[in-house]
């Protein structure tokens, strides 16, 4: 029995299908640009980054992530930092000129030194140099104790015990 020839079937041509719209990966951002004026107003009253994150309804870690990853948000935060610093400086001026008789200079100093480190942090630096400003020269000597007499061994032992006591 002979095989029947297969019928020639033309492949169906399908109309191009539309690609489904891709949704962004992850949770949608909570950033709400309408909160920017509230952030700026709070900063004008000395608000910290913690206060700004509360205004946005986000955790401080998220706030710092946004600052690192979003240049526009980072610029807003920088502006807020300047406004906050201006408020604190005005509080200091009012305190130092007697406008605010209950001014606490110690608390003020603590605040500005910690909030605005680049402008108010006290720094001290100790540098050790060798002769003529060069590097410190280290020299090690090996002492062959087998060749020392009893008096020299006693002196060496006293020096070592003295050095150990100064630790």
Protein backbone atom coordinates (compact mmCIF):
# COMPACT_ATOMS: atom_id res chain seq x y z
CA UNK A 1 0.00 0.00 0.00
CA UNK A 2 1.39 3.33 -0.97
CA UNK A 3 1.65 6.18 1.43
CA UNK A 4 -0.58 9.08 0.85
CA UNK A 5 1.31 12.26 0.30
CA UNK A 6 0.95 14.74 3.13
CA UNK A 7 -1.09 17.67 2.25
CA UNK A 8 0.90 20.79 1.90
CA UNK A 9 -0.08 23.07 4.69
CA UNK A 10 0.98 26.64 4.59
CA UNK A 11 1.96 27.98 7.95
CA UNK A 12 -0.51 30.36 9.40
CA UNK A 13 0.72 33.87 9.57
CA UNK A 14 -0.25 35.52 12.79
CA UNK A 15 -0.79 39.17 13.17
CA UNK A 16 1.88 40.76 15.38
CA UNK A 17 0.75 40.71 18.96
CA UNK A 18 1.22 43.63 21.30
CA UNK A 19 3.75 43.12 24.05
CA UNK A 20 2.27 43.28 27.51
CA UNK A 21 3.12 46.43 29.42
CA UNK A 22 5.92 45.67 31.85
CA UNK A 23 5.29 46.68 35.39
CA UNK A 24 8.16 48.09 37.41
CA UNK A 25 9.90 45.61 39.64
CA UNK A 26 9.48 46.03 43.38
CA UNK A 27 7.23 48.11 45.48
CA UNK A 28 6.21 51.53 44.15
CA UNK A 29 8.09 54.44 45.70
CA UNK A 30 6.49 56.32 48.57
CA UNK A 31 8.10 59.56 47.47
CA UNK A 32 5.45 62.20 47.17
CA UNK A 33 6.68 65.47 45.62
CA UNK A 34 3.79 67.30 47.27
CA UNK A 35 5.66 66.79 50.61
CA UNK A 36 8.62 68.94 49.50
CA UNK A 37 7.14 72.26 50.76
CA UNK A 38 6.45 70.64 54.15
CA UNK A 39 10.04 69.36 54.28
CA UNK A 40 11.41 72.82 53.46
CA UNK A 41 9.19 74.47 56.06
CA UNK A 42 10.29 72.00 58.74
CA UNK A 43 13.92 72.60 57.79
CA UNK A 44 13.39 76.35 58.19
CA UNK A 45 12.53 75.52 61.80
CA UNK A 46 15.69 73.47 62.40
CA UNK A 47 14.36 70.00 61.54
CA UNK A 48 16.73 67.06 61.36
CA UNK A 49 16.87 64.34 58.72
CA UNK A 50 14.94 62.13 61.14
CA UNK A 51 12.11 64.68 61.17
CA UNK A 52 12.19 64.89 57.36
CA UNK A 53 11.88 61.11 57.08
CA UNK A 54 8.86 61.21 59.41
CA UNK A 55 7.25 63.87 57.19
CA UNK A 56 7.76 61.55 54.21
CA UNK A 57 6.45 58.56 56.16
CA UNK A 58 9.58 56.50 55.55
CA UNK A 59 12.32 54.85 57.58
CA UNK A 60 15.64 56.70 57.97
CA UNK A 61 17.40 53.94 55.99
CA UNK A 62 15.05 54.54 53.07
CA UNK A 63 15.66 58.29 53.41
CA UNK A 64 19.43 57.72 53.14
CA UNK A 65 18.96 55.28 50.21
CA UNK A 66 16.92 57.88 48.34
CA UNK A 67 19.57 60.53 49.04
CA UNK A 68 22.30 58.30 47.58
CA UNK A 69 20.34 57.05 44.56
CA UNK A 70 18.28 60.06 43.50
CA UNK A 71 20.19 63.28 42.66
CA UNK A 72 17.04 65.40 42.67
CA UNK A 73 16.07 64.18 46.14
CA UNK A 74 19.66 64.67 47.30
CA UNK A 75 19.50 68.32 46.18
CA UNK A 76 16.31 68.84 48.19
CA UNK A 77 17.94 67.29 51.26
CA UNK A 78 20.99 69.55 50.87
CA UNK A 79 18.73 72.59 50.70
CA UNK A 80 16.95 71.38 53.84
CA UNK A 81 20.29 70.99 55.63
CA UNK A 82 21.25 74.58 54.81
CA UNK A 83 17.88 75.90 55.99
CA UNK A 84 18.16 73.91 59.20
CA UNK A 85 21.68 75.18 59.84
CA UNK A 86 20.55 78.78 59.32
CA UNK A 87 17.81 78.26 61.93
CA UNK A 88 20.29 76.85 64.45
CA UNK A 89 22.73 79.69 63.82
CA UNK A 90 19.95 82.24 64.37
CA UNK A 91 19.07 80.52 67.67
CA UNK A 92 22.72 80.81 68.69
CA UNK A 93 22.88 84.50 67.79
CA UNK A 94 19.68 85.21 69.75
CA UNK A 95 21.09 83.36 72.73
CA UNK A 96 24.46 85.09 72.64
CA UNK A 97 22.89 88.55 72.30
CA UNK A 98 20.49 88.05 75.20
CA UNK A 99 17.30 87.84 73.13
CA UNK A 100 16.72 84.38 74.59
CA UNK A 101 17.66 84.57 78.29
CA UNK A 102 17.13 80.82 78.75
CA UNK A 103 19.67 79.98 76.05
CA UNK A 104 21.75 76.90 76.86
CA UNK A 105 25.13 77.41 75.23
CA UNK A 106 26.31 73.89 76.00
CA UNK A 107 23.28 72.31 74.35
CA UNK A 108 23.66 74.67 71.39
CA UNK A 109 27.33 73.78 70.91
CA UNK A 110 26.52 70.07 71.16
CA UNK A 111 23.79 70.41 68.52
CA UNK A 112 25.75 72.37 65.93
CA UNK A 113 28.95 70.34 66.34
CA UNK A 114 27.05 67.11 65.74
CA UNK A 115 24.53 68.28 63.14
CA UNK A 116 26.87 70.40 61.05
CA UNK A 117 30.23 68.71 61.51
CA UNK A 118 31.94 70.13 58.44
CA UNK A 119 31.43 73.70 59.70
CA UNK A 120 31.62 73.31 63.49
CA UNK A 121 33.66 70.26 64.41
CA UNK A 122 36.74 70.87 66.51
CA UNK A 123 39.69 69.03 65.12
CA UNK A 124 43.14 68.51 66.48
CA UNK A 125 45.93 66.80 64.70
CA UNK A 126 49.17 65.44 66.08
CA UNK A 127 51.94 64.65 63.69
CA UNK A 128 55.18 62.92 64.59
CA UNK A 129 58.13 63.40 62.30
CA UNK A 130 61.78 62.55 62.35
CA UNK A 131 64.80 64.75 61.86
CA UNK A 132 64.24 67.73 59.55
CA UNK A 133 60.56 66.76 59.07
CA UNK A 134 61.43 63.41 57.55
CA UNK A 135 60.12 60.01 58.55
CA UNK A 136 60.77 58.63 62.00
CA UNK A 137 63.77 56.32 61.88
CA UNK A 138 63.44 53.05 63.75
CA UNK A 139 66.51 51.13 64.78
CA UNK A 140 66.59 47.68 66.32
CA UNK A 141 69.61 46.25 68.05
CA UNK A 142 70.17 42.64 68.89
CA UNK A 143 71.88 41.98 72.20
CA UNK A 144 73.66 38.68 72.67
CA UNK A 145 72.91 38.00 76.34
CA UNK A 146 75.33 35.09 76.40
CA UNK A 147 78.22 37.57 76.36
CA UNK A 148 76.88 39.77 79.22
CA UNK A 149 78.32 39.60 82.70
CA UNK A 150 76.14 39.32 85.82
CA UNK A 151 76.00 43.08 86.40
CA UNK A 152 74.91 43.78 82.79
CA UNK A 153 72.23 41.05 83.01
CA UNK A 154 70.92 42.58 86.26
CA UNK A 155 70.73 46.03 84.61
CA UNK A 156 68.96 44.60 81.55
CA UNK A 157 66.50 42.73 83.76
CA UNK A 158 65.75 45.90 85.78
CA UNK A 159 65.18 47.87 82.57
CA UNK A 160 62.81 45.25 81.17
CA UNK A 161 60.83 45.05 84.44
CA UNK A 162 60.61 48.84 84.54
CA UNK A 163 59.34 48.97 80.96
CA UNK A 164 56.79 46.25 81.71
CA UNK A 165 55.53 48.20 84.72
CA UNK A 166 54.87 51.26 82.52
CA UNK A 167 52.41 49.37 80.27
